[in-house]
C-alpha atoms as a PDB file:
ATOM      1  CA  MET A   1      45.269-127.186  84.140  1.00  0.00           C
ATOM      2  CA  ALA A   2      47.254-129.719  82.108  1.00  0.00           C
ATOM      3  CA  GLU A   3      44.707-129.594  79.274  1.00  0.00           C
ATOM      4  CA  ALA A   4      44.908-125.795  79.117  1.00  0.00           C
ATOM      5  CA  LYS A   5      48.695-125.945  79.002  1.00  0.00           C
ATOM      6  CA  THR A   6      48.620-128.552  76.231  1.00  0.00           C
ATOM      7  CA  LYS A   7      46.103-126.493  74.264  1.00  0.00           C
ATOM      8  CA  LYS A   8      48.309-123.409  74.614  1.00  0.00           C
ATOM      9  CA  VAL A   9      51.362-125.285  73.313  1.00  0.00           C
ATOM     10  CA  GLN A  10      49.366-126.719  70.405  1.00  0.00           C
ATOM     11  CA  THR A  11      48.020-123.280  69.505  1.00  0.00           C
ATOM     12  CA  LYS A  12      51.488-121.779  69.603  1.00  0.00           C
ATOM     13  CA  TYR A  13      52.912-124.325  67.170  1.00  0.00           C
ATOM     14  CA  SER A  14      49.817-124.979  65.071  1.00  0.00           C
ATOM     15  CA  PRO A  15      50.205-124.913  61.260  1.00  0.00           C
ATOM     16  CA  SER A  16      48.145-121.720  60.947  1.00  0.00           C
ATOM     17  CA  VAL A  17      50.397-119.897  63.406  1.00  0.00           C
ATOM     18  CA  ILE A  18      53.532-121.098  61.625  1.00  0.00           C
ATOM     19  CA  ILE A  19      52.148-120.014  58.245  1.00  0.00           C
ATOM     20  CA  MET A  20      51.266-116.577  59.608  1.00  0.00           C
ATOM     21  CA  LYS A  21      54.760-116.185  61.079  1.00  0.00           C
ATOM     22  CA  ILE A  22      56.329-117.149  57.749  1.00  0.00           C
ATOM     23  CA  LEU A  23      54.118-114.660  55.884  1.00  0.00           C
ATOM     24  CA  GLN A  24      55.017-111.920  58.353  1.00  0.00           C
ATOM     25  CA  TYR A  25      58.728-112.478  57.860  1.00  0.00           C
ATOM     26  CA  LEU A  26      58.315-112.707  54.084  1.00  0.00           C
ATOM     27  CA  VAL A  27      56.536-109.335  54.064  1.00  0.00           C
ATOM     28  CA  LEU A  28      59.284-107.827  56.241  1.00  0.00           C
ATOM     29  CA  VAL A  29      62.015-109.220  53.984  1.00  0.00           C
ATOM     30  CA  ALA A  30      60.205-107.964  50.873  1.00  0.00           C
ATOM     31  CA  GLY A  31      59.851-104.514  52.440  1.00  0.00           C
ATOM     32  CA  CYS A  32      63.550-104.415  53.325  1.00  0.00           C
ATOM     33  CA  VAL A  33      64.505-105.467  49.795  1.00  0.00           C
ATOM     34  CA  LEU A  34      62.301-102.767  48.251  1.00  0.00           C
ATOM     35  CA  VAL A  35      63.934-100.138  50.470  1.00  0.00           C
ATOM     36  CA  ILE A  36      67.550-101.308  50.162  1.00  0.00           C
ATOM     37  CA  LEU A  37      67.703-102.096  46.413  1.00  0.00           C
ATOM     38  CA  PRO A  38      67.251 -98.472  45.187  1.00  0.00           C
ATOM     39  CA  ILE A  39      69.908 -97.313  47.650  1.00  0.00           C
ATOM     40  CA  LEU A  40      72.342 -99.963  46.378  1.00  0.00           C
ATOM     41  CA  VAL A  41      71.668 -98.986  42.756  1.00  0.00           C
ATOM     42  CA  ILE A  42      72.381 -95.334  43.575  1.00  0.00           C
ATOM     43  CA  LEU A  43      75.483 -96.226  45.594  1.00  0.00           C
ATOM     44  CA  PHE A  44      76.987 -98.440  42.861  1.00  0.00           C
ATOM     45  CA  GLY A  45      76.115 -95.968  40.102  1.00  0.00           C
ATOM     46  CA  ALA A  46      77.639 -92.993  41.938  1.00  0.00           C
ATOM     47  CA  PHE A  47      81.152 -94.491  41.639  1.00  0.00           C
ATOM     48  CA  LYS A  48      80.987 -95.449  37.939  1.00  0.00           C
ATOM     49  CA  THR A  49      82.194 -93.579  34.885  1.00  0.00           C
ATOM     50  CA  ASN A  50      79.720 -92.460  32.230  1.00  0.00           C
ATOM     51  CA  ALA A  51      80.754 -95.250  29.835  1.00  0.00           C
ATOM     52  CA  GLU A  52      80.733 -97.842  32.603  1.00  0.00           C
ATOM     53  CA  PHE A  53      77.288 -96.721  33.733  1.00  0.00           C
ATOM     54  CA  ALA A  54      75.931 -97.136  30.186  1.00  0.00           C
ATOM     55  CA  ASN A  55      77.515-100.551  29.499  1.00  0.00           C
ATOM     56  CA  THR A  56      77.111-102.389  32.820  1.00  0.00           C
ATOM     57  CA  GLY A  57      74.143-103.605  34.839  1.00  0.00           C
ATOM     58  CA  ILE A  58      72.672-101.553  37.623  1.00  0.00           C
ATOM     59  CA  PHE A  59      73.822-104.094  40.243  1.00  0.00           C
ATOM     60  CA  ASP A  60      77.355-104.470  38.858  1.00  0.00           C
ATOM     61  CA  LEU A  61      80.094-103.163  41.125  1.00  0.00           C
ATOM     62  CA  PRO A  62      82.211-100.284  39.741  1.00  0.00           C
ATOM     63  CA  GLU A  63      85.656-101.193  38.436  1.00  0.00           C
ATOM     64  CA  SER A  64      87.171 -98.246  40.316  1.00  0.00           C
ATOM     65  CA  PHE A  65      85.723 -95.687  42.689  1.00  0.00           C
ATOM     66  CA  GLN A  66      85.209 -92.416  40.802  1.00  0.00           C
ATOM     67  CA  TRP A  67      85.300 -89.837  43.619  1.00  0.00           C
ATOM     68  CA  ILE A  68      85.396 -87.145  40.942  1.00  0.00           C
ATOM     69  CA  ASN A  69      81.644 -87.669  40.498  1.00  0.00           C
ATOM     70  CA  PHE A  70      81.032 -86.321  43.986  1.00  0.00           C
ATOM     71  CA  GLU A  71      83.304 -83.338  43.343  1.00  0.00           C
ATOM     72  CA  ILE A  72      81.474 -82.482  40.114  1.00  0.00           C
ATOM     73  CA  ALA A  73      78.086 -82.888  41.767  1.00  0.00           C
ATOM     74  CA  PHE A  74      79.122 -80.701  44.692  1.00  0.00           C
ATOM     75  CA  ILE A  75      80.725 -77.887  42.672  1.00  0.00           C
ATOM     76  CA  ASP A  76      78.895 -77.842  39.327  1.00  0.00           C
ATOM     77  CA  GLY A  77      75.606 -78.791  40.946  1.00  0.00           C
ATOM     78  CA  LYS A  78      76.016 -75.845  43.335  1.00  0.00           C
ATOM     79  CA  VAL A  79      75.129 -77.945  46.336  1.00  0.00           C
ATOM     80  CA  LEU A  80      76.381 -75.258  48.751  1.00  0.00           C
ATOM     81  CA  LEU A  81      73.989 -72.721  47.215  1.00  0.00           C
ATOM     82  CA  GLY A  82      71.206 -75.300  47.425  1.00  0.00           C
ATOM     83  CA  LEU A  83      72.005 -76.019  51.072  1.00  0.00           C
ATOM     84  CA  ARG A  84      71.962 -72.294  51.901  1.00  0.00           C
ATOM     85  CA  ASN A  85      68.598 -71.715  50.223  1.00  0.00           C
ATOM     86  CA  THR A  86      67.209 -74.886  51.775  1.00  0.00           C
ATOM     87  CA  ALA A  87      68.386 -73.805  55.239  1.00  0.00           C
ATOM     88  CA  ILE A  88      66.696 -70.396  54.906  1.00  0.00           C
ATOM     89  CA  ILE A  89      63.415 -71.958  53.805  1.00  0.00           C
ATOM     90  CA  LEU A  90      63.631 -74.635  56.510  1.00  0.00           C
ATOM     91  CA  VAL A  91      64.237 -72.207  59.385  1.00  0.00           C
ATOM     92  CA  LEU A  92      61.498 -69.748  58.406  1.00  0.00           C
ATOM     93  CA  SER A  93      58.980 -72.455  57.485  1.00  0.00           C
ATOM     94  CA  CYS A  94      59.545 -74.454  60.673  1.00  0.00           C
ATOM     95  CA  LEU A  95      59.321 -71.385  62.919  1.00  0.00           C
ATOM     96  CA  GLY A  96      56.150 -70.212  61.205  1.00  0.00           C
ATOM     97  CA  SER A  97      54.649 -73.680  61.259  1.00  0.00           C
ATOM     98  CA  ILE A  98      55.329 -74.123  64.986  1.00  0.00           C
ATOM     99  CA  ILE A  99      53.858 -70.732  65.916  1.00  0.00           C
ATOM    100  CA  THR A 100      50.745 -70.944  63.748  1.00  0.00           C
ATOM    101  CA  GLY A 101      50.246 -74.667  64.374  1.00  0.00           C
ATOM    102  CA  THR A 102      50.435 -74.506  68.170  1.00  0.00           C
ATOM    103  CA  MET A 103      48.246 -71.389  68.334  1.00  0.00           C
ATOM    104  CA  THR A 104      45.626 -72.903  66.036  1.00  0.00           C
ATOM    105  CA  ALA A 105      45.611 -76.199  67.940  1.00  0.00           C
ATOM    106  CA  PHE A 106      45.330 -74.319  71.261  1.00  0.00           C
ATOM    107  CA  VAL A 107      42.297 -72.331  70.112  1.00  0.00           C
ATOM    108  CA  ILE A 108      40.531 -75.297  68.504  1.00  0.00           C
ATOM    109  CA  GLN A 109      41.206 -77.699  71.366  1.00  0.00           C
ATOM    110  CA  ARG A 110      40.505 -75.398  74.291  1.00  0.00           C
ATOM    111  CA  PHE A 111      37.573 -73.329  72.997  1.00  0.00           C
ATOM    112  CA  SER A 112      34.462 -75.160  71.828  1.00  0.00           C
ATOM    113  CA  SER A 113      32.272 -72.991  69.613  1.00  0.00           C
ATOM    114  CA  TYR A 114      30.614 -72.947  66.229  1.00  0.00           C
ATOM    115  CA  PHE A 115      33.733 -71.314  64.784  1.00  0.00           C
ATOM    116  CA  THR A 116      36.125 -74.011  66.026  1.00  0.00           C
ATOM    117  CA  LYS A 117      33.807 -76.778  64.822  1.00  0.00           C
ATOM    118  CA  THR A 118      33.694 -75.119  61.396  1.00  0.00           C
ATOM    119  CA  VAL A 119      37.487 -74.922  61.303  1.00  0.00           C
ATOM    120  CA  LYS A 120      37.744 -78.618  62.194  1.00  0.00           C
ATOM    121  CA  ALA A 121      35.348 -79.451  59.370  1.00  0.00           C
ATOM    122  CA  CYS A 122      37.404 -77.360  56.954  1.00  0.00           C
ATOM    123  CA  PHE A 123      40.552 -79.225  58.035  1.00  0.00           C
ATOM    124  CA  LEU A 124      38.814 -82.528  57.325  1.00  0.00           C
ATOM    125  CA  VAL A 125      37.740 -81.369  53.868  1.00  0.00           C
ATOM    126  CA  ALA A 126      41.247 -80.065  53.139  1.00  0.00           C
ATOM    127  CA  THR A 127      42.822 -83.418  53.975  1.00  0.00           C
ATOM    128  CA  LEU A 128      40.450 -85.179  51.562  1.00  0.00           C
ATOM    129  CA  LEU A 129      41.196 -82.896  48.604  1.00  0.00           C
ATOM    130  CA  PRO A 130      44.116 -83.880  46.349  1.00  0.00           C
ATOM    131  CA  ASN A 131      46.847 -81.300  46.762  1.00  0.00           C
ATOM    132  CA  ILE A 132      47.810 -81.356  43.093  1.00  0.00           C
ATOM    133  CA  SER A 133      44.270 -80.441  41.995  1.00  0.00           C
ATOM    134  CA  MET A 134      44.507 -77.035  43.707  1.00  0.00           C
ATOM    135  CA  GLN A 135      47.924 -76.056  42.358  1.00  0.00           C
ATOM    136  CA  VAL A 136      46.574 -74.090  39.373  1.00  0.00           C
ATOM    137  CA  THR A 137      44.556 -71.816  41.652  1.00  0.00           C
ATOM    138  CA  VAL A 138      47.345 -71.530  44.214  1.00  0.00           C
ATOM    139  CA  PHE A 139      49.882 -70.643  41.523  1.00  0.00           C
ATOM    140  CA  GLN A 140      47.605 -67.915  40.126  1.00  0.00           C
ATOM    141  CA  ILE A 141      47.189 -66.421  43.609  1.00  0.00           C
ATOM    142  CA  MET A 142      50.942 -66.448  44.219  1.00  0.00           C
ATOM    143  CA  ASN A 143      51.596 -64.968  40.796  1.00  0.00           C
ATOM    144  CA  ASN A 144      49.061 -62.167  41.315  1.00  0.00           C
ATOM    145  CA  PHE A 145      50.758 -61.219  44.582  1.00  0.00           C
ATOM    146  CA  GLY A 146      54.152 -61.217  42.890  1.00  0.00           C
ATOM    147  CA  LEU A 147      55.507 -64.048  45.031  1.00  0.00           C
ATOM    148  CA  THR A 148      56.683 -66.346  42.242  1.00  0.00           C
ATOM    149  CA  GLU A 149      60.448 -66.565  41.749  1.00  0.00           C
ATOM    150  CA  THR A 150      60.927 -65.698  45.428  1.00  0.00           C
ATOM    151  CA  MET A 151      61.495 -67.772  48.567  1.00  0.00           C
ATOM    152  CA  ALA A 152      58.312 -66.336  50.061  1.00  0.00           C
ATOM    153  CA  ALA A 153      56.052 -68.561  47.943  1.00  0.00           C
ATOM    154  CA  PRO A 154      57.254 -71.971  49.227  1.00  0.00           C
ATOM    155  CA  ILE A 155      57.620 -70.622  52.776  1.00  0.00           C
ATOM    156  CA  ILE A 156      53.989 -69.453  52.831  1.00  0.00           C
ATOM    157  CA  LEU A 157      52.810 -72.742  51.337  1.00  0.00           C
ATOM    158  CA  TYR A 158      54.782 -74.829  53.825  1.00  0.00           C
ATOM    159  CA  ILE A 159      53.369 -72.814  56.729  1.00  0.00           C
ATOM    160  CA  GLY A 160      49.784 -72.536  55.532  1.00  0.00           C
ATOM    161  CA  THR A 161      49.146 -76.140  54.463  1.00  0.00           C
ATOM    162  CA  ASP A 162      50.485 -77.920  57.536  1.00  0.00           C
ATOM    163  CA  ILE A 163      47.283 -79.622  58.738  1.00  0.00           C
ATOM    164  CA  ILE A 164      49.100 -82.775  59.903  1.00  0.00           C
ATOM    165  CA  SER A 165      51.202 -80.746  62.358  1.00  0.00           C
ATOM    166  CA  ILE A 166      48.049 -79.153  63.787  1.00  0.00           C
ATOM    167  CA  GLN A 167      46.547 -82.605  64.285  1.00  0.00           C
ATOM    168  CA  ILE A 168      49.675 -83.741  66.142  1.00  0.00           C
ATOM    169  CA  PHE A 169      49.551 -80.671  68.406  1.00  0.00           C
ATOM    170  CA  MET A 170      45.866 -81.291  69.099  1.00  0.00           C
ATOM    171  CA  GLN A 171      46.613 -84.872  70.122  1.00  0.00           C
ATOM    172  CA  PHE A 172      49.256 -83.689  72.577  1.00  0.00           C
ATOM    173  CA  LEU A 173      46.958 -80.999  73.951  1.00  0.00           C
ATOM    174  CA  ASN A 174      44.571 -83.766  75.019  1.00  0.00           C
ATOM    175  CA  GLN A 175      47.238 -84.839  77.516  1.00  0.00           C
ATOM    176  CA  ILE A 176      47.647 -81.353  79.024  1.00  0.00           C
ATOM    177  CA  SER A 177      45.078 -80.900  81.779  1.00  0.00           C
ATOM    178  CA  VAL A 178      42.632 -78.013  81.413  1.00  0.00           C
ATOM    179  CA  SER A 179      43.084 -77.382  85.144  1.00  0.00           C
ATOM    180  CA  LEU A 180      46.474 -75.849  84.346  1.00  0.00           C
ATOM    181  CA  ASP A 181      44.732 -73.245  82.177  1.00  0.00           C
ATOM    182  CA  GLU A 182      42.146 -72.618  84.883  1.00  0.00           C
ATOM    183  CA  SER A 183      44.855 -72.171  87.518  1.00  0.00           C
ATOM    184  CA  GLY A 184      46.556 -69.614  85.303  1.00  0.00           C
ATOM    185  CA  ILE A 185      43.285 -67.720  84.795  1.00  0.00           C
ATOM    186  CA  VAL A 186      42.675 -67.688  88.573  1.00  0.00           C
ATOM    187  CA  ASP A 187      46.157 -66.207  89.062  1.00  0.00           C
ATOM    188  CA  GLY A 188      45.310 -63.444  86.603  1.00  0.00           C
ATOM    189  CA  ALA A 189      47.119 -64.759  83.529  1.00  0.00           C
ATOM    190  CA  SER A 190      45.790 -63.832  80.108  1.00  0.00           C
ATOM    191  CA  TYR A 191      45.339 -66.371  77.318  1.00  0.00           C
ATOM    192  CA  PRO A 192      48.563 -65.295  75.556  1.00  0.00           C
ATOM    193  CA  ARG A 193      50.395 -65.752  78.868  1.00  0.00           C
ATOM    194  CA  ILE A 194      48.828 -69.198  79.321  1.00  0.00           C
ATOM    195  CA  TYR A 195      49.873 -70.119  75.793  1.00  0.00           C
ATOM    196  CA  PHE A 196      53.513 -69.031  76.211  1.00  0.00           C
ATOM    197  CA  SER A 197      53.976 -70.126  79.849  1.00  0.00           C
ATOM    198  CA  ILE A 198      51.923 -73.335  80.051  1.00  0.00           C
ATOM    199  CA  ILE A 199      50.911 -74.710  76.662  1.00  0.00           C
ATOM    200  CA  LEU A 200      54.073 -74.103  74.622  1.00  0.00           C
ATOM    201  CA  PRO A 201      56.551 -75.603  77.161  1.00  0.00           C
ATOM    202  CA  ASN A 202      54.388 -78.722  77.548  1.00  0.00           C
ATOM    203  CA  LEU A 203      54.252 -79.168  73.771  1.00  0.00           C
ATOM    204  CA  THR A 204      58.034 -79.609  73.505  1.00  0.00           C
ATOM    205  CA  PRO A 205      57.854 -83.334  72.528  1.00  0.00           C
ATOM    206  CA  ALA A 206      55.238 -82.543  69.883  1.00  0.00           C
ATOM    207  CA  ILE A 207      57.297 -79.633  68.575  1.00  0.00           C
ATOM    208  CA  ALA A 208      60.358 -81.893  68.261  1.00  0.00           C
ATOM    209  CA  THR A 209      58.313 -84.469  66.349  1.00  0.00           C
ATOM    210  CA  VAL A 210      56.804 -81.877  64.002  1.00  0.00           C
ATOM    211  CA  LEU A 211      60.191 -80.256  63.357  1.00  0.00           C
ATOM    212  CA  ILE A 212      61.727 -83.562  62.286  1.00  0.00           C
ATOM    213  CA  ILE A 213      58.805 -84.480  60.034  1.00  0.00           C
ATOM    214  CA  LYS A 214      58.731 -80.957  58.606  1.00  0.00           C
ATOM    215  CA  PHE A 215      62.464 -80.984  57.951  1.00  0.00           C
ATOM    216  CA  VAL A 216      62.340 -84.235  55.986  1.00  0.00           C
ATOM    217  CA  SER A 217      59.246 -83.135  54.047  1.00  0.00           C
ATOM    218  CA  ILE A 218      60.665 -79.757  52.985  1.00  0.00           C
ATOM    219  CA  TYR A 219      64.149 -81.122  52.335  1.00  0.00           C
ATOM    220  CA  ASN A 220      62.829 -83.797  49.975  1.00  0.00           C
ATOM    221  CA  ASP A 221      60.241 -81.634  48.222  1.00  0.00           C
ATOM    222  CA  PHE A 222      60.999 -81.117  44.539  1.00  0.00           C
ATOM    223  CA  TYR A 223      57.704 -79.954  43.085  1.00  0.00           C
ATOM    224  CA  THR A 224      57.190 -76.724  45.047  1.00  0.00           C
ATOM    225  CA  PRO A 225      60.725 -75.278  44.610  1.00  0.00           C
ATOM    226  CA  GLN A 226      60.793 -76.253  40.948  1.00  0.00           C
ATOM    227  CA  LEU A 227      57.445 -74.569  40.304  1.00  0.00           C
ATOM    228  CA  TYR A 228      57.937 -71.355  42.275  1.00  0.00           C
ATOM    229  CA  MET A 229      61.743 -70.916  42.222  1.00  0.00           C
ATOM    230  CA  SER A 230      63.026 -71.833  38.771  1.00  0.00           C
ATOM    231  CA  LYS A 231      65.849 -69.255  38.760  1.00  0.00           C
ATOM    232  CA  PRO A 232      69.342 -70.804  39.141  1.00  0.00           C
ATOM    233  CA  GLU A 233      70.168 -68.635  42.174  1.00  0.00           C
ATOM    234  CA  LEU A 234      67.042 -69.860  43.981  1.00  0.00           C
ATOM    235  CA  ARG A 235      67.619 -73.580  43.562  1.00  0.00           C
ATOM    236  CA  VAL A 236      67.529 -75.804  46.630  1.00  0.00           C
ATOM    237  CA  VAL A 237      69.144 -79.191  47.236  1.00  0.00           C
ATOM    238  CA  SER A 238      66.319 -81.133  45.602  1.00  0.00           C
ATOM    239  CA  THR A 239      66.433 -79.044  42.397  1.00  0.00           C
ATOM    240  CA  ALA A 240      70.187 -78.342  42.189  1.00  0.00           C
ATOM    241  CA  LEU A 241      70.921 -81.681  40.533  1.00  0.00           C
ATOM    242  CA  TYR A 242      68.499 -80.815  37.733  1.00  0.00           C
ATOM    243  CA  ASN A 243      71.480 -79.097  36.058  1.00  0.00           C
ATOM    244  CA  PHE A 244      72.764 -82.496  34.926  1.00  0.00           C
ATOM    245  CA  ILE A 245      69.608 -83.344  32.977  1.00  0.00           C
ATOM    246  CA  GLY A 246      69.574 -81.955  29.454  1.00  0.00           C
ATOM    247  CA  PRO A 247      67.849 -82.484  26.090  1.00  0.00           C
ATOM    248  CA  TYR A 248      70.508 -84.995  25.006  1.00  0.00           C
ATOM    249  CA  GLY A 249      70.455 -87.198  28.074  1.00  0.00           C
ATOM    250  CA  ALA A 250      71.351 -87.181  31.727  1.00  0.00           C
ATOM    251  CA  LYS A 251      74.618 -87.711  33.610  1.00  0.00           C
ATOM    252  CA  TRP A 252      73.183 -90.298  35.948  1.00  0.00           C
ATOM    253  CA  GLU A 253      76.450 -91.101  37.685  1.00  0.00           C
ATOM    254  CA  ILE A 254      76.752 -87.410  38.707  1.00  0.00           C
ATOM    255  CA  ILE A 255      73.095 -87.284  39.729  1.00  0.00           C
ATOM    256  CA  PHE A 256      73.520 -90.428  41.843  1.00  0.00           C
ATOM    257  CA  ALA A 257      76.572 -88.905  43.525  1.00  0.00           C
ATOM    258  CA  GLY A 258      74.549 -85.764  44.266  1.00  0.00           C
ATOM    259  CA  ILE A 259      71.743 -87.882  45.697  1.00  0.00           C
ATOM    260  CA  ILE A 260      74.215 -89.527  48.089  1.00  0.00           C
ATOM    261  CA  ILE A 261      75.396 -86.069  49.203  1.00  0.00           C
ATOM    262  CA  ALA A 262      71.809 -84.912  49.680  1.00  0.00           C
ATOM    263  CA  ILE A 263      70.887 -88.022  51.686  1.00  0.00           C
ATOM    264  CA  ILE A 264      73.663 -87.583  54.270  1.00  0.00           C
ATOM    265  CA  PRO A 265      72.125 -84.656  56.283  1.00  0.00           C
ATOM    266  CA  THR A 266      68.703 -86.315  56.427  1.00  0.00           C
ATOM    267  CA  LEU A 267      70.217 -89.666  57.405  1.00  0.00           C
ATOM    268  CA  ILE A 268      72.276 -88.143  60.218  1.00  0.00           C
ATOM    269  CA  ILE A 269      69.308 -86.238  61.628  1.00  0.00           C
ATOM    270  CA  PHE A 270      67.002 -89.242  61.410  1.00  0.00           C
ATOM    271  CA  LEU A 271      69.458 -91.635  63.081  1.00  0.00           C
ATOM    272  CA  THR A 272      70.147 -89.103  65.832  1.00  0.00           C
ATOM    273  CA  LEU A 273      66.548 -88.119  66.554  1.00  0.00           C
ATOM    274  CA  GLN A 274      64.540 -91.150  65.476  1.00  0.00           C
ATOM    275  CA  LYS A 275      63.368 -91.862  69.048  1.00  0.00           C
ATOM    276  CA  TYR A 276      61.610 -88.488  69.106  1.00  0.00           C
ATOM    277  CA  ILE A 277      59.771 -89.330  65.882  1.00  0.00           C
ATOM    278  CA  TYR A 278      58.408 -92.646  67.107  1.00  0.00           C
ATOM    279  CA  SER A 279      57.753 -91.627  70.714  1.00  0.00           C
ATOM    280  CA  GLY A 280      56.168 -88.350  69.643  1.00  0.00           C
ATOM    281  CA  LEU A 281      53.753 -89.891  67.160  1.00  0.00           C
ATOM    282  CA  VAL A 282      52.721 -92.682  69.539  1.00  0.00           C
ATOM    283  CA  SER A 283      52.541 -90.817  72.849  1.00  0.00           C
ATOM    284  CA  GLY A 284      50.379 -88.089  71.358  1.00  0.00           C
ATOM    285  CA  ALA A 285      47.728 -90.662  70.513  1.00  0.00           C
ATOM    286  CA  VAL A 286      47.567 -92.136  74.034  1.00  0.00           C
ATOM    287  CA  LYS A 287      45.344 -90.476  76.552  1.00  0.00           C
ATOM    288  CA  GLU A 288      45.747 -91.495  80.181  1.00  0.00           C
END
């Protein structure tokens, strides 16, 4: 007994354990520094004048806080227009993604057939293909249907390429007992009734998780809106600040101020609902 206790104490404070602990904390500190430094650079630069931004270091504090940068970014950058367009795309994309994702996951998870196995294989192949390599073909299809320079193009793409959400729904469906479906069938319920009355209510944690992830993904996406909605009246938050980049340079202090404005909604939502993100991703992978 005493020898086991001594061995446990020696193992706990052995040099290898101490070295591993130090390496773990060094990695954590390095990760924090890599995350915090860009935010500090943006925060300091957002309050500088154009001349001060050009003549001082990126980590130098501003001599005075230039709140006018935020006003210019908000008004001239047409942030309100960007927020409106972003909100429209977010609502329609999230609703479509939830409906199609839950229905697809329900069919694949509950019905085992050659068709569902083929769909699963297609999902696996789709996740392995680089998204950027298919953009030429996708753009030609959208252009042929007359969907370029409209909000319909990004909405369709956000709904139709959401394989990760389907995987999350499938993980959660593993926790919903098939006996609930069988009880509904015995009571005379159809499959649509089972989906709306049993499956969908029990997928609420998964839906919350997917909505948060989807919101952040769409809100931060620059490539898709820039490619399919280049008109000024169709700009979203991520592309609105592109107004301050011209052939003779960029007004980085205004862009940094706009970035701070754009970060605020995402930061508030993440801090408020972060427990749903972590609990949703973890609990869906645990099967009791």
